[in-house]
């Protein structure tokens, strides 16, 4: 094989990256350091893709990606809202542990603390070319918080959510499209945004040459206000929202096609996920300028939505593809999270995790190859700085105040324990605390230990 490495080196690389081979078809290592692409949707519902059950939205490219790799049905974003979700993805740490559990805005004068080490910074140590395209939302003022100061060689996108402008948000800051550290365009019309991001992604992939690269593409959509170009408008049976999702699917297809055309398909791991669930509990201020309640995605059978610690807030699509390394046609109900992405990529790149901090993720690749045996057994649900729940295996305990109201929920009584078996009851309809108090108390003790470790608040005994 052209450009192949010595057999002993290739065997060692395969063992380090993939674990023991399960079949001859997947015993060949990548020809070079692997590339990594993260496609990260914004506010996409659990069932917005055809391969996750949507009856009328067509997503052939992402469906094919799932067919050619692993599709998780219990994949969790690190948080139920935008900024902390991105913190978890790029640091491998619970957002509260990383010191940024809440959202930032256009008027913020801080960001993800500067001593946090982001994924691109670790990859730069291995010679990776890195680029971020899309929504940043980890700080922009002062400039030390910008992507190009946090490990990315280049940046093209919006510094925060696409709705953080008048009339949706009270701010005097206009929304600019950025190139590296400079505003290049006032973003009055977002209809071409997904296509422009895709063009930039293709240019970056082609420019990498023989260098290994990391492409991080957090889309602006389908976060409200949803928008797409004339080219994709009125094509989906699911209406305007369906048009937006199908535009993202087109984008994923163009990126996958480019990898194949460049001859690096087998050298590249691609992940598609969402930052949190759909914004069904949106405030009235968002229902302006053509926004409709049905422009907020599909949670499927899941309870809750963005901003909540029910499954609908944090269980999201999670698809991994790496031809020749991750076998095709796999579906797993085991837990995995965006917290696991950094350790997985760092290990696959032959880099090392810093030893001066705690990581909350683990390497997914052995399980991705075999289809089982994932290390994650526990996941904690935070809403801001408050720990509200924990899942261990199939059991989930949630301790939170019952609330009144959707857009501005208010406490409506003392906190009550909610215990669900998510294998039997993924919709969280049946609280079985009274039948399983012993198991629930074990989970509650785990929550108290984690809350103490991270200095988190908890809803227990009205505190």
Protein backbone atom coordinates (compact mmCIF):
# COMPACT_ATOMS: atom_id res chain seq x y z
CA UNK A 1 0.00 0.00 0.00
CA UNK A 2 1.35 3.42 -0.95
CA UNK A 3 2.67 5.41 1.96
CA UNK A 4 2.08 2.54 4.39
CA UNK A 5 3.84 2.49 7.72
CA UNK A 6 6.02 -0.38 9.01
CA UNK A 7 3.91 -3.37 10.05
CA UNK A 8 4.96 -3.20 13.70
CA UNK A 9 4.05 0.49 13.90
CA UNK A 10 0.69 -0.09 12.26
CA UNK A 11 -0.13 -2.93 14.65
CA UNK A 12 0.76 -0.82 17.65
CA UNK A 13 -1.33 2.09 16.35
CA UNK A 14 -4.32 -0.19 15.77
CA UNK A 15 -4.02 -1.68 19.23
CA UNK A 16 -3.78 1.75 20.83
CA UNK A 17 -6.65 3.29 18.89
CA UNK A 18 -9.07 0.47 18.33
CA UNK A 19 -8.42 -2.30 20.82
CA UNK A 20 -8.49 -5.93 19.69
CA UNK A 21 -9.79 -6.53 16.17
CA UNK A 22 -13.17 -8.21 15.92
CA UNK A 23 -12.95 -9.14 12.23
CA UNK A 24 -10.45 -9.08 9.40
CA UNK A 25 -12.53 -6.45 7.62
CA UNK A 26 -11.79 -3.95 10.38
CA UNK A 27 -8.19 -4.91 11.13
CA UNK A 28 -6.60 -2.29 8.89
CA UNK A 29 -5.46 0.89 10.65
CA UNK A 30 -5.69 4.37 9.16
CA UNK A 31 -2.83 5.23 6.81
CA UNK A 32 -1.91 8.29 8.87
CA UNK A 33 -2.98 10.20 11.95
CA UNK A 34 -6.78 10.30 11.69
CA UNK A 35 -8.83 13.40 10.97
CA UNK A 36 -11.83 14.39 13.06
CA UNK A 37 -15.04 16.19 12.06
CA UNK A 38 -17.70 17.22 14.58
CA UNK A 39 -21.03 18.35 13.13
CA UNK A 40 -23.03 19.89 15.97
CA UNK A 41 -26.63 20.99 15.45
CA UNK A 42 -28.27 23.61 17.67
CA UNK A 43 -31.58 22.77 19.42
CA UNK A 44 -32.22 19.75 17.19
CA UNK A 45 -34.85 17.43 18.64
CA UNK A 46 -34.21 13.77 19.33
CA UNK A 47 -36.55 12.67 16.53
CA UNK A 48 -35.77 15.30 13.90
CA UNK A 49 -33.89 12.83 11.68
CA UNK A 50 -35.51 10.06 9.67
CA UNK A 51 -33.15 7.51 11.23
CA UNK A 52 -34.44 8.60 14.64
CA UNK A 53 -38.07 8.24 13.63
CA UNK A 54 -39.29 11.42 11.96
CA UNK A 55 -42.07 10.47 9.51
CA UNK A 56 -41.77 13.32 6.99
CA UNK A 57 -38.31 14.95 7.28
CA UNK A 58 -35.93 13.32 4.79
CA UNK A 59 -32.31 12.99 5.92
CA UNK A 60 -30.69 10.52 3.50
CA UNK A 61 -27.11 11.61 4.18
CA UNK A 62 -27.28 11.38 7.95
CA UNK A 63 -29.28 8.16 7.63
CA UNK A 64 -26.48 6.77 5.47
CA UNK A 65 -23.92 7.98 7.99
CA UNK A 66 -25.79 6.04 10.69
CA UNK A 67 -25.99 2.99 8.41
CA UNK A 68 -22.25 3.13 7.87
CA UNK A 69 -21.37 3.47 11.55
CA UNK A 70 -22.89 3.60 15.03
CA UNK A 71 -26.18 5.23 16.03
CA UNK A 72 -26.73 5.80 19.74
CA UNK A 73 -30.22 5.89 21.20
CA UNK A 74 -29.03 7.04 24.67
CA UNK A 75 -26.59 9.78 23.72
CA UNK A 76 -26.47 12.78 26.05
CA UNK A 77 -25.43 16.38 25.61
CA UNK A 78 -23.45 17.65 28.59
CA UNK A 79 -26.12 20.25 29.43
CA UNK A 80 -29.63 21.21 28.31
CA UNK A 81 -28.64 24.67 27.01
CA UNK A 82 -26.13 26.13 24.58
CA UNK A 83 -22.97 27.42 26.27
CA UNK A 84 -22.47 24.71 28.90
CA UNK A 85 -23.23 22.02 26.33
CA UNK A 86 -20.32 23.29 24.24
CA UNK A 87 -18.15 23.47 27.35
CA UNK A 88 -18.71 19.77 27.97
CA UNK A 89 -18.00 18.82 24.37
CA UNK A 90 -14.74 20.73 24.03
CA UNK A 91 -13.34 20.14 27.55
CA UNK A 92 -14.58 16.62 28.36
CA UNK A 93 -15.70 17.96 31.75
CA UNK A 94 -19.06 18.70 33.29
CA UNK A 95 -19.67 22.42 32.69
CA UNK A 96 -19.86 23.16 36.42
CA UNK A 97 -16.50 21.47 36.93
CA UNK A 98 -15.12 23.65 34.14
CA UNK A 99 -16.59 26.75 35.75
CA UNK A 100 -19.13 27.70 33.05
CA UNK A 101 -22.54 26.17 33.83
CA UNK A 102 -24.68 28.97 32.35
CA UNK A 103 -25.23 30.67 29.01
CA UNK A 104 -23.27 33.66 27.77
CA UNK A 105 -24.77 36.53 25.80
CA UNK A 106 -23.76 39.35 23.48
CA UNK A 107 -23.12 41.67 26.45
CA UNK A 108 -20.98 39.14 28.37
CA UNK A 109 -17.49 40.26 29.33
CA UNK A 110 -16.12 36.86 30.25
CA UNK A 111 -16.23 33.29 29.00
CA UNK A 112 -15.03 29.76 29.56
CA UNK A 113 -12.13 30.25 31.94
CA UNK A 114 -8.79 30.48 30.23
CA UNK A 115 -7.09 27.70 32.17
CA UNK A 116 -9.47 25.15 30.67
CA UNK A 117 -7.75 23.10 27.96
CA UNK A 118 -9.87 22.63 24.85
CA UNK A 119 -9.78 19.72 22.41
CA UNK A 120 -8.08 21.66 19.57
CA UNK A 121 -5.29 22.71 21.94
CA UNK A 122 -4.53 19.06 22.68
CA UNK A 123 -4.61 18.18 18.98
CA UNK A 124 -2.29 21.07 18.08
CA UNK A 125 0.39 19.30 20.10
CA UNK A 126 0.16 16.45 17.57
CA UNK A 127 0.48 18.73 14.56
CA UNK A 128 -3.21 19.02 13.70
CA UNK A 129 -4.62 21.78 11.55
CA UNK A 130 -7.77 23.08 13.27
CA UNK A 131 -10.77 25.16 12.29
CA UNK A 132 -14.06 26.15 13.93
CA UNK A 133 -16.96 27.10 11.67
CA UNK A 134 -20.26 28.25 13.17
CA UNK A 135 -21.57 29.14 16.60
CA UNK A 136 -18.86 29.69 19.22
CA UNK A 137 -20.71 30.84 22.39
CA UNK A 138 -17.78 30.33 24.79
CA UNK A 139 -16.87 33.99 25.20
CA UNK A 140 -15.81 36.83 22.93
CA UNK A 141 -14.99 39.83 25.12
CA UNK A 142 -12.13 40.30 25.77
CA UNK A 143 -10.49 38.71 22.72
CA UNK A 144 -8.63 36.09 24.79
CA UNK A 145 -11.85 34.07 24.75
CA UNK A 146 -12.10 33.91 20.94
CA UNK A 147 -11.70 30.59 19.09
CA UNK A 148 -8.36 31.60 17.57
CA UNK A 149 -7.00 32.05 21.10
CA UNK A 150 -8.32 28.66 22.24
CA UNK A 151 -6.59 26.27 19.84
CA UNK A 152 -8.27 26.93 16.49
CA UNK A 153 -6.05 28.12 13.64
CA UNK A 154 -9.00 29.81 11.97
CA UNK A 155 -12.62 30.68 12.60
CA UNK A 156 -15.68 31.60 10.54
CA UNK A 157 -19.06 32.07 12.16
CA UNK A 158 -21.26 33.72 14.80
CA UNK A 159 -19.92 34.34 18.28
CA UNK A 160 -23.20 33.40 20.01
CA UNK A 161 -26.75 32.27 19.26
CA UNK A 162 -28.44 33.53 16.11
CA UNK A 163 -31.39 34.95 18.10
CA UNK A 164 -29.26 37.21 20.31
CA UNK A 165 -30.35 40.33 18.46
CA UNK A 166 -33.35 42.67 18.54
CA UNK A 167 -36.27 42.03 18.72
CA UNK A 168 -35.67 38.63 20.33
CA UNK A 169 -33.09 39.78 22.90
CA UNK A 170 -32.58 43.24 24.38
CA UNK A 171 -29.08 44.18 23.27
CA UNK A 172 -27.33 47.00 21.47
CA UNK A 173 -24.79 44.62 19.93
CA UNK A 174 -25.40 43.74 16.28
CA UNK A 175 -24.90 40.15 15.13
CA UNK A 176 -21.79 39.92 12.94
CA UNK A 177 -20.36 37.14 10.87
CA UNK A 178 -16.74 36.79 11.95
CA UNK A 179 -13.58 35.80 10.11
CA UNK A 180 -10.98 34.87 12.70
CA UNK A 181 -11.07 37.87 15.06
CA UNK A 182 -12.69 40.45 12.79
CA UNK A 183 -16.35 41.13 11.94
CA UNK A 184 -16.80 40.89 8.18
CA UNK A 185 -20.54 41.21 7.67
CA UNK A 186 -23.69 42.27 9.49
CA UNK A 187 -25.83 39.15 9.76
CA UNK A 188 -29.23 40.54 8.81
CA UNK A 189 -30.12 37.61 6.56
CA UNK A 190 -29.31 34.12 7.86
CA UNK A 191 -30.84 32.19 4.97
CA UNK A 192 -27.49 31.27 3.38
CA UNK A 193 -25.66 30.58 6.64
CA UNK A 194 -25.66 26.76 6.53
CA UNK A 195 -24.52 26.76 2.91
CA UNK A 196 -21.74 29.26 3.61
CA UNK A 197 -20.56 27.19 6.56
CA UNK A 198 -20.51 24.14 4.31
CA UNK A 199 -18.47 25.92 1.65
CA UNK A 200 -15.93 26.97 4.29
CA UNK A 201 -15.76 23.41 5.61
CA UNK A 202 -15.06 22.00 2.16
CA UNK A 203 -12.33 24.58 1.54
CA UNK A 204 -10.71 23.73 4.87
CA UNK A 205 -10.74 19.98 4.20
CA UNK A 206 -9.20 20.48 0.77
CA UNK A 207 -6.57 22.87 2.13
CA UNK A 208 -5.35 20.44 4.77
CA UNK A 209 -3.37 18.41 2.25
CA UNK A 210 -1.54 15.61 4.01
CA UNK A 211 -1.83 17.28 7.42
CA UNK A 212 -4.20 15.71 9.94
CA UNK A 213 -7.06 18.07 10.73
CA UNK A 214 -9.85 18.76 13.19
CA UNK A 215 -12.99 20.46 11.87
CA UNK A 216 -15.57 21.66 14.39
CA UNK A 217 -18.81 22.78 12.72
CA UNK A 218 -21.49 23.88 15.22
CA UNK A 219 -24.40 24.93 13.00
CA UNK A 220 -26.53 27.97 13.85
CA UNK A 221 -29.68 25.98 13.04
CA UNK A 222 -32.26 24.79 13.86
CA UNK A 223 -32.09 27.29 16.76
CA UNK A 224 -34.73 29.96 16.25
CA UNK A 225 -35.06 31.99 14.11
CA UNK A 226 -34.87 29.14 11.60
CA UNK A 227 -33.91 30.09 8.08
CA UNK A 228 -32.78 28.49 4.84
CA UNK A 229 -32.15 29.56 1.28
CA UNK A 230 -34.53 29.62 -1.67
CA UNK A 231 -32.75 26.53 -2.95
CA UNK A 232 -34.06 24.42 -0.03
CA UNK A 233 -37.30 26.25 0.73
CA UNK A 234 -40.68 24.50 0.39
CA UNK A 235 -39.09 21.11 -0.28
CA UNK A 236 -39.94 19.27 2.92
CA UNK A 237 -43.33 17.85 3.85
CA UNK A 238 -42.48 19.01 7.38
CA UNK A 239 -42.66 22.65 6.31
CA UNK A 240 -40.13 25.36 7.01
CA UNK A 241 -38.56 23.54 9.94
CA UNK A 242 -38.18 20.43 7.79
CA UNK A 243 -36.48 22.54 5.11
CA UNK A 244 -33.91 23.68 7.69
CA UNK A 245 -33.15 20.13 8.88
CA UNK A 246 -32.88 18.90 5.30
CA UNK A 247 -30.41 21.72 4.58
CA UNK A 248 -28.24 20.48 7.44
CA UNK A 249 -28.52 16.96 6.04
CA UNK A 250 -27.35 18.27 2.65
CA UNK A 251 -24.42 19.92 4.40
CA UNK A 252 -23.40 16.68 6.08
CA UNK A 253 -23.62 14.93 2.72
CA UNK A 254 -21.38 17.49 1.04
CA UNK A 255 -18.75 17.10 3.76
CA UNK A 256 -18.84 13.29 3.54
CA UNK A 257 -18.59 13.51 -0.25
CA UNK A 258 -15.55 15.78 0.02
CA UNK A 259 -13.79 13.35 2.38
CA UNK A 260 -14.32 10.58 -0.16
CA UNK A 261 -13.18 12.71 -3.10
CA UNK A 262 -10.01 13.67 -1.22
CA UNK A 263 -9.25 10.01 -0.56
CA UNK A 264 -9.37 10.44 3.23
CA UNK A 265 -12.73 8.87 4.03
CA UNK A 266 -11.12 5.91 5.81
CA UNK A 267 -8.83 8.25 7.74
CA UNK A 268 -11.61 10.36 9.23
CA UNK A 269 -13.94 9.98 12.18
CA UNK A 270 -17.15 12.01 11.78
CA UNK A 271 -19.58 12.69 14.62
CA UNK A 272 -23.03 14.21 14.30
CA UNK A 273 -24.92 15.32 17.41
CA UNK A 274 -27.02 18.16 18.85
CA UNK A 275 -26.22 20.52 21.72
CA UNK A 276 -29.54 19.93 23.52
CA UNK A 277 -33.18 19.14 22.90
CA UNK A 278 -35.84 21.23 21.14
CA UNK A 279 -37.02 24.59 22.47
CA UNK A 280 -40.65 23.62 23.05
CA UNK A 281 -40.85 25.76 26.18
CA UNK A 282 -39.73 28.89 24.35
CA UNK A 283 -40.67 32.32 25.74
CA UNK A 284 -43.25 34.49 23.98
CA UNK A 285 -40.50 36.92 22.87
CA UNK A 286 -39.38 34.35 20.29
CA UNK A 287 -42.73 34.20 18.49
CA UNK A 288 -41.98 37.17 16.23
CA UNK A 289 -40.87 37.75 12.65
CA UNK A 290 -42.35 34.54 11.31
CA UNK A 291 -41.28 32.16 14.10
CA UNK A 292 -43.94 29.56 14.88
CA UNK A 293 -44.24 27.13 17.82
CA UNK A 294 -43.81 24.20 15.40
CA UNK A 295 -40.40 25.53 14.36
CA UNK A 296 -38.93 24.01 17.52
CA UNK A 297 -38.24 20.43 16.62
CA UNK A 298 -39.42 16.98 17.56
CA UNK A 299 -38.61 15.35 20.87
CA UNK A 300 -40.36 12.12 19.91
CA UNK A 301 -41.47 10.04 22.86
CA UNK A 302 -39.21 11.92 25.29
CA UNK A 303 -40.51 14.11 28.11
CA UNK A 304 -39.27 17.65 28.58
CA UNK A 305 -37.37 20.00 26.29
CA UNK A 306 -34.40 22.34 26.10
CA UNK A 307 -33.52 23.81 29.48
CA UNK A 308 -34.90 20.83 31.44
CA UNK A 309 -33.26 17.74 32.88
CA UNK A 310 -35.91 15.40 31.59
CA UNK A 311 -34.73 13.23 28.70
CA UNK A 312 -36.08 15.64 26.11
CA UNK A 313 -33.62 18.27 27.30
CA UNK A 314 -30.41 16.28 26.96
CA UNK A 315 -30.93 13.02 25.05
CA UNK A 316 -29.96 13.85 21.48
CA UNK A 317 -28.99 12.14 18.22
CA UNK A 318 -25.46 10.74 18.31
CA UNK A 319 -23.93 9.20 15.16
CA UNK A 320 -20.30 8.10 14.73
CA UNK A 321 -18.77 7.07 11.41
CA UNK A 322 -15.22 5.92 10.60
CA UNK A 323 -15.06 3.47 7.67
CA UNK A 324 -12.74 0.55 8.29
CA UNK A 325 -12.58 1.25 12.01
CA UNK A 326 -16.20 1.51 13.20
CA UNK A 327 -18.20 -1.37 11.67
CA UNK A 328 -21.43 -0.41 9.89
CA UNK A 329 -25.07 -0.99 10.82
CA UNK A 330 -24.65 -0.67 14.58
CA UNK A 331 -27.22 0.70 17.00
CA UNK A 332 -26.54 0.95 20.73
CA UNK A 333 -28.87 1.72 23.63
CA UNK A 334 -25.88 2.02 25.98
CA UNK A 335 -25.10 5.43 27.43
CA UNK A 336 -22.61 7.77 25.81
CA UNK A 337 -22.19 11.53 25.98
CA UNK A 338 -20.54 14.51 24.39
CA UNK A 339 -18.33 14.39 27.49
CA UNK A 340 -16.77 11.25 25.97
CA UNK A 341 -15.82 12.92 22.69
CA UNK A 342 -12.63 14.63 23.87
CA UNK A 343 -11.10 11.52 25.48
CA UNK A 344 -12.05 9.45 22.43
CA UNK A 345 -10.44 11.83 19.94
CA UNK A 346 -7.36 12.49 22.07
CA UNK A 347 -6.73 8.74 22.39
CA UNK A 348 -7.31 8.14 18.67
CA UNK A 349 -4.85 10.93 17.82
CA UNK A 350 -2.18 9.36 20.00
CA UNK A 351 -2.19 12.33 22.36
CA UNK A 352 -2.42 12.30 26.15
CA UNK A 353 -4.91 13.83 28.53
CA UNK A 354 -3.49 16.35 30.98
CA UNK A 355 -3.03 14.81 34.40
CA UNK A 356 -3.71 17.97 36.41
CA UNK A 357 -7.51 17.82 36.12
CA UNK A 358 -10.47 15.48 36.35
CA UNK A 359 -12.19 14.35 33.15
CA UNK A 360 -15.79 13.19 33.08
CA UNK A 361 -15.60 11.26 29.81
CA UNK A 362 -14.00 8.05 28.61
CA UNK A 363 -12.75 6.57 25.35
CA UNK A 364 -15.66 5.32 23.21
CA UNK A 365 -13.64 3.71 20.46
CA UNK A 366 -13.36 0.15 21.85
CA UNK A 367 -17.14 0.06 22.20
CA UNK A 368 -17.66 1.69 18.80
CA UNK A 369 -15.65 -1.10 17.23
CA UNK A 370 -17.30 -3.95 19.09
CA UNK A 371 -20.80 -2.54 19.46
CA UNK A 372 -20.85 -2.94 23.23
CA UNK A 373 -18.81 -2.55 26.38
CA UNK A 374 -18.97 1.22 26.70
CA UNK A 375 -17.36 2.53 29.86
CA UNK A 376 -20.05 5.04 30.80
CA UNK A 377 -22.39 3.69 33.47
CA UNK A 378 -23.38 6.98 35.12
CA UNK A 379 -24.49 10.37 33.84
CA UNK A 380 -25.36 13.46 35.92
CA UNK A 381 -27.99 15.99 34.84
CA UNK A 382 -27.23 19.63 35.69
CA UNK A 383 -29.42 22.66 35.09
CA UNK A 384 -27.04 25.55 35.53
CA UNK A 385 -25.18 25.05 38.80
CA UNK A 386 -27.91 22.79 40.19
CA UNK A 387 -27.58 19.02 40.09
CA UNK A 388 -31.07 17.69 39.39
CA UNK A 389 -30.59 14.06 38.40
CA UNK A 390 -28.44 11.03 37.82
CA UNK A 391 -28.73 8.01 35.57
CA UNK A 392 -27.00 4.73 36.41
CA UNK A 393 -27.48 1.94 33.89
CA UNK A 394 -31.23 1.98 33.16
CA UNK A 395 -32.28 3.84 36.34
CA UNK A 396 -32.70 7.60 36.56
CA UNK A 397 -33.39 9.64 39.67
CA UNK A 398 -34.50 13.22 39.28
CA UNK A 399 -34.83 15.58 42.26
CA UNK A 400 -36.37 18.89 41.28
CA UNK A 401 -39.13 21.26 42.17
CA UNK A 402 -42.41 20.77 40.36
CA UNK A 403 -43.03 23.97 38.44
CA UNK A 404 -45.87 26.03 37.08
CA UNK A 405 -45.65 27.77 33.72
CA UNK A 406 -43.69 27.00 30.59
CA UNK A 407 -41.77 30.10 29.50
CA UNK A 408 -40.95 31.28 33.05
CA UNK A 409 -41.42 28.26 35.33
CA UNK A 410 -41.85 28.92 39.04
CA UNK A 411 -41.57 26.49 41.97
CA UNK A 412 -44.94 24.97 42.82
CA UNK A 413 -44.10 22.92 45.89
CA UNK A 414 -41.28 21.08 47.68
CA UNK A 415 -38.90 18.88 45.66
CA UNK A 416 -40.03 15.32 45.10
CA UNK A 417 -37.99 12.29 44.02
CA UNK A 418 -38.78 10.92 40.57
CA UNK A 419 -37.39 7.49 39.76
CA UNK A 420 -37.68 6.05 36.27
CA UNK A 421 -36.49 2.89 34.57
CA UNK A 422 -35.49 4.33 31.20
CA UNK A 423 -35.31 0.93 29.52
CA UNK A 424 -38.96 0.32 30.34
CA UNK A 425 -40.10 3.93 30.38
CA UNK A 426 -37.96 6.25 28.20
CA UNK A 427 -40.81 8.78 28.23
CA UNK A 428 -40.51 9.18 32.02
CA UNK A 429 -44.23 8.70 32.55
CA UNK A 430 -44.15 6.40 35.57
CA UNK A 431 -42.49 7.43 38.82
CA UNK A 432 -41.60 4.19 40.63
CA UNK A 433 -39.87 5.72 43.65
CA UNK A 434 -42.36 4.15 46.07
CA UNK A 435 -41.67 0.68 44.65
CA UNK A 436 -37.89 1.05 44.53
CA UNK A 437 -36.91 3.34 47.39
CA UNK A 438 -33.76 1.38 48.20
CA UNK A 439 -32.42 1.82 44.67
CA UNK A 440 -33.52 5.43 44.68
CA UNK A 441 -31.68 6.14 47.92
CA UNK A 442 -28.48 4.71 46.42
CA UNK A 443 -28.80 7.09 43.48
CA UNK A 444 -29.60 9.98 45.80
CA UNK A 445 -26.41 9.27 47.74
CA UNK A 446 -24.46 9.40 44.46
CA UNK A 447 -26.01 12.76 43.66
CA UNK A 448 -25.08 14.14 47.07
CA UNK A 449 -21.49 12.96 46.65
CA UNK A 450 -21.20 14.57 43.22
CA UNK A 451 -22.87 17.78 44.40
CA UNK A 452 -20.34 18.03 47.23
CA UNK A 453 -17.44 17.36 44.84
CA UNK A 454 -18.48 20.10 42.41
CA UNK A 455 -19.97 22.55 44.90
CA UNK A 456 -23.36 22.16 43.27
CA UNK A 457 -26.77 23.01 44.65
CA UNK A 458 -29.37 20.26 44.96
CA UNK A 459 -33.13 20.21 45.39
CA UNK A 460 -33.31 18.09 48.53
CA UNK A 461 -35.56 18.77 51.51
CA UNK A 462 -36.45 22.15 50.06
CA UNK A 463 -32.80 23.27 49.89
